[in-house]
Amino acid sequence: MDTVPGYGDDAPRVFTNFLTPESSNSSFHYILIEGKAGKDNNLPLTVWFNGGPGCSSKVGFLQEIGPFYLPAGTHYNSSTTLKINTHSWNTLSNLLFIDSPPGVGYSKTSNSSYIYND
């Protein structure tokens, strides 16, 4: 579990890692945001893929439905503070953002014939 710097106990729990299907040579990066109901909640799960191909789901996380957003025109660096999105979908659902296809965002593949240039 990761925490978002600068946000106290009000921040939702954030989990991030890779999903690696058994029959695949690819790994899909994901971010899971716990719904506002907190630990052991029974809120539904919303799975989010940004359109594309070629658009990371981090766009949905940081500019659309996630609990935080980066204000327009802001260039992110280590001292940048994300803003709270009061209209986040995590008030009603757990949110799972998946970067797909492989090669988009942090998702990756070991297939040398797969061409991408993010």
C-alpha atoms as a PDB file:
ATOM      1  CA  MET A   1       0.000   0.000   0.000  1.00  0.00           C
ATOM      2  CA  ASP A   2       1.250   3.480  -0.847  1.00  0.00           C
ATOM      3  CA  THR A   3       0.263   6.734   0.766  1.00  0.00           C
ATOM      4  CA  VAL A   4      -0.151  10.047  -0.966  1.00  0.00           C
ATOM      5  CA  PRO A   5       2.301  12.592   0.508  1.00  0.00           C
ATOM      6  CA  GLY A   6       0.677  15.554   2.192  1.00  0.00           C
ATOM      7  CA  TYR A   7      -2.659  13.882   2.904  1.00  0.00           C
ATOM      8  CA  GLY A   8      -3.547  12.695   6.364  1.00  0.00           C
ATOM      9  CA  ASP A   9      -6.019  10.080   7.491  1.00  0.00           C
ATOM     10  CA  ASP A  10      -8.666  11.486   5.127  1.00  0.00           C
ATOM     11  CA  ALA A  11      -6.842  10.151   2.098  1.00  0.00           C
ATOM     12  CA  PRO A  12      -8.144   6.874   0.667  1.00  0.00           C
ATOM     13  CA  ARG A  13      -5.892   3.828   0.771  1.00  0.00           C
ATOM     14  CA  VAL A  14      -3.982   3.396  -2.490  1.00  0.00           C
ATOM     15  CA  PHE A  15      -2.624   0.092  -3.790  1.00  0.00           C
ATOM     16  CA  THR A  16      -0.445  -0.187  -6.886  1.00  0.00           C
ATOM     17  CA  ASN A  17       1.314  -3.100  -8.567  1.00  0.00           C
ATOM     18  CA  PHE A  18       1.231  -5.247 -11.708  1.00  0.00           C
ATOM     19  CA  LEU A  19      -1.288  -7.822 -12.950  1.00  0.00           C
ATOM     20  CA  THR A  20       0.510 -10.552 -14.873  1.00  0.00           C
ATOM     21  CA  PRO A  21      -1.805 -13.050 -16.579  1.00  0.00           C
ATOM     22  CA  GLU A  22      -0.440 -16.580 -16.393  1.00  0.00           C
ATOM     23  CA  SER A  23      -0.604 -17.150 -20.165  1.00  0.00           C
ATOM     24  CA  SER A  24       0.891 -13.764 -21.038  1.00  0.00           C
ATOM     25  CA  ASN A  25       4.324 -12.225 -21.375  1.00  0.00           C
ATOM     26  CA  SER A  26       2.886  -8.856 -20.366  1.00  0.00           C
ATOM     27  CA  SER A  27       2.313  -7.066 -17.065  1.00  0.00           C
ATOM     28  CA  PHE A  28      -0.447  -4.518 -16.640  1.00  0.00           C
ATOM     29  CA  HIS A  29       0.138  -1.724 -14.146  1.00  0.00           C
ATOM     30  CA  TYR A  30      -2.785  -0.860 -11.895  1.00  0.00           C
ATOM     31  CA  ILE A  31      -3.795   1.585  -9.186  1.00  0.00           C
ATOM     32  CA  LEU A  32      -6.578   0.547  -6.806  1.00  0.00           C
ATOM     33  CA  ILE A  33      -8.255   3.294  -4.765  1.00  0.00           C
ATOM     34  CA  GLU A  34     -10.312   2.195  -1.810  1.00  0.00           C
ATOM     35  CA  GLY A  35     -13.835   3.583  -1.690  1.00  0.00           C
ATOM     36  CA  LYS A  36     -14.858   6.065   1.010  1.00  0.00           C
ATOM     37  CA  ALA A  37     -16.525   3.282   2.990  1.00  0.00           C
ATOM     38  CA  GLY A  38     -13.010   2.335   4.117  1.00  0.00           C
ATOM     39  CA  LYS A  39     -11.533  -1.003   5.062  1.00  0.00           C
ATOM     40  CA  ASP A  40     -13.790  -4.059   4.623  1.00  0.00           C
ATOM     41  CA  ASN A  41     -16.299  -2.044   2.606  1.00  0.00           C
ATOM     42  CA  ASN A  42     -18.838  -3.660   0.314  1.00  0.00           C
ATOM     43  CA  LEU A  43     -18.877  -0.920  -2.310  1.00  0.00           C
ATOM     44  CA  PRO A  44     -18.848  -2.064  -5.949  1.00  0.00           C
ATOM     45  CA  LEU A  45     -15.653  -2.053  -8.003  1.00  0.00           C
ATOM     46  CA  THR A  46     -15.350   0.253 -11.005  1.00  0.00           C
ATOM     47  CA  VAL A  47     -12.670  -0.827 -13.502  1.00  0.00           C
ATOM     48  CA  TRP A  48     -11.350   2.108 -15.556  1.00  0.00           C
ATOM     49  CA  PHE A  49      -9.520   1.953 -18.882  1.00  0.00           C
ATOM     50  CA  ASN A  50      -8.845   5.225 -20.688  1.00  0.00           C
ATOM     51  CA  GLY A  51      -9.566   5.259 -24.399  1.00  0.00           C
ATOM     52  CA  GLY A  52      -6.945   4.602 -26.949  1.00  0.00           C
ATOM     53  CA  PRO A  53      -5.075   2.554 -27.628  1.00  0.00           C
ATOM     54  CA  GLY A  54      -2.259   4.551 -26.172  1.00  0.00           C
ATOM     55  CA  CYS A  55      -3.794   6.524 -23.307  1.00  0.00           C
ATOM     56  CA  SER A  56      -2.692   5.648 -19.783  1.00  0.00           C
ATOM     57  CA  SER A  57      -5.419   5.164 -17.194  1.00  0.00           C
ATOM     58  CA  LYS A  58      -3.399   7.568 -15.032  1.00  0.00           C
ATOM     59  CA  VAL A  59      -5.262  10.272 -16.989  1.00  0.00           C
ATOM     60  CA  GLY A  60      -8.529   9.006 -15.497  1.00  0.00           C
ATOM     61  CA  PHE A  61      -6.878   8.781 -12.082  1.00  0.00           C
ATOM     62  CA  LEU A  62      -5.396  12.314 -12.049  1.00  0.00           C
ATOM     63  CA  GLN A  63      -7.750  14.301 -14.300  1.00  0.00           C
ATOM     64  CA  GLU A  64     -11.152  12.654 -14.366  1.00  0.00           C
ATOM     65  CA  ILE A  65     -12.668  10.376 -11.694  1.00  0.00           C
ATOM     66  CA  GLY A  66      -9.935   9.785  -9.105  1.00  0.00           C
ATOM     67  CA  PRO A  67      -9.796  11.233  -5.588  1.00  0.00           C
ATOM     68  CA  PHE A  68      -7.060  13.728  -6.528  1.00  0.00           C
ATOM     69  CA  TYR A  69      -6.347  15.890  -9.531  1.00  0.00           C
ATOM     70  CA  LEU A  70      -3.513  17.871 -10.983  1.00  0.00           C
ATOM     71  CA  PRO A  71      -4.758  21.377 -11.873  1.00  0.00           C
ATOM     72  CA  ALA A  72      -4.628  22.238 -15.566  1.00  0.00           C
ATOM     73  CA  GLY A  73      -1.313  23.743 -16.632  1.00  0.00           C
ATOM     74  CA  THR A  74       0.507  22.446 -13.549  1.00  0.00           C
ATOM     75  CA  HIS A  75       3.820  20.751 -14.207  1.00  0.00           C
ATOM     76  CA  TYR A  76       4.219  18.032 -11.612  1.00  0.00           C
ATOM     77  CA  ASN A  77       7.389  17.810  -9.535  1.00  0.00           C
ATOM     78  CA  SER A  78       8.266  16.619  -6.031  1.00  0.00           C
ATOM     79  CA  SER A  79       6.882  19.785  -4.402  1.00  0.00           C
ATOM     80  CA  THR A  80       3.564  19.791  -6.277  1.00  0.00           C
ATOM     81  CA  THR A  81       0.472  19.161  -4.157  1.00  0.00           C
ATOM     82  CA  LEU A  82      -2.429  17.357  -5.752  1.00  0.00           C
ATOM     83  CA  LYS A  83      -5.891  18.818  -5.139  1.00  0.00           C
ATOM     84  CA  ILE A  84      -8.778  16.851  -3.622  1.00  0.00           C
ATOM     85  CA  ASN A  85     -11.448  15.945  -6.175  1.00  0.00           C
ATOM     86  CA  THR A  86     -14.718  16.424  -4.300  1.00  0.00           C
ATOM     87  CA  HIS A  87     -16.545  14.708  -7.179  1.00  0.00           C
ATOM     88  CA  SER A  88     -14.418  11.553  -7.139  1.00  0.00           C
ATOM     89  CA  TRP A  89     -16.169   8.320  -7.964  1.00  0.00           C
ATOM     90  CA  ASN A  90     -14.577   6.678  -4.922  1.00  0.00           C
ATOM     91  CA  THR A  91     -17.398   8.115  -2.817  1.00  0.00           C
ATOM     92  CA  LEU A  92     -19.617   5.394  -4.326  1.00  0.00           C
ATOM     93  CA  SER A  93     -17.176   2.747  -5.547  1.00  0.00           C
ATOM     94  CA  ASN A  94     -13.713   1.238  -5.208  1.00  0.00           C
ATOM     95  CA  LEU A  95     -11.708   2.317  -8.275  1.00  0.00           C
ATOM     96  CA  LEU A  96      -9.308   0.165 -10.290  1.00  0.00           C
ATOM     97  CA  PHE A  97      -7.277   1.958 -12.988  1.00  0.00           C
ATOM     98  CA  ILE A  98      -5.461  -0.373 -15.422  1.00  0.00           C
ATOM     99  CA  ASP A  99      -2.923   0.688 -18.062  1.00  0.00           C
ATOM    100  CA  SER A 100      -3.667  -1.248 -21.240  1.00  0.00           C
ATOM    101  CA  PRO A 101      -2.470  -2.406 -23.771  1.00  0.00           C
ATOM    102  CA  PRO A 102       1.074  -3.366 -22.759  1.00  0.00           C
ATOM    103  CA  GLY A 103       3.461  -0.522 -23.478  1.00  0.00           C
ATOM    104  CA  VAL A 104       1.026   2.145 -22.262  1.00  0.00           C
ATOM    105  CA  GLY A 105       1.818   3.936 -19.001  1.00  0.00           C
ATOM    106  CA  TYR A 106       3.791   1.579 -16.780  1.00  0.00           C
ATOM    107  CA  SER A 107       2.418  -1.603 -18.379  1.00  0.00           C
ATOM    108  CA  LYS A 108       5.061  -3.664 -20.134  1.00  0.00           C
ATOM    109  CA  THR A 109       5.752  -6.708 -22.258  1.00  0.00           C
ATOM    110  CA  SER A 110       8.762  -8.927 -22.858  1.00  0.00           C
ATOM    111  CA  ASN A 111       7.651  -9.594 -26.445  1.00  0.00           C
ATOM    112  CA  SER A 112      10.478  -8.065 -28.527  1.00  0.00           C
ATOM    113  CA  SER A 113       8.256  -7.782 -31.620  1.00  0.00           C
ATOM    114  CA  TYR A 114       5.771  -5.536 -29.796  1.00  0.00           C
ATOM    115  CA  ILE A 115       6.514  -1.959 -30.858  1.00  0.00           C
ATOM    116  CA  TYR A 116       5.645   1.004 -28.657  1.00  0.00           C
ATOM    117  CA  ASN A 117       7.196   4.373 -27.933  1.00  0.00           C
ATOM    118  CA  ASP A 118       5.420   6.064 -25.004  1.00  0.00           C
END
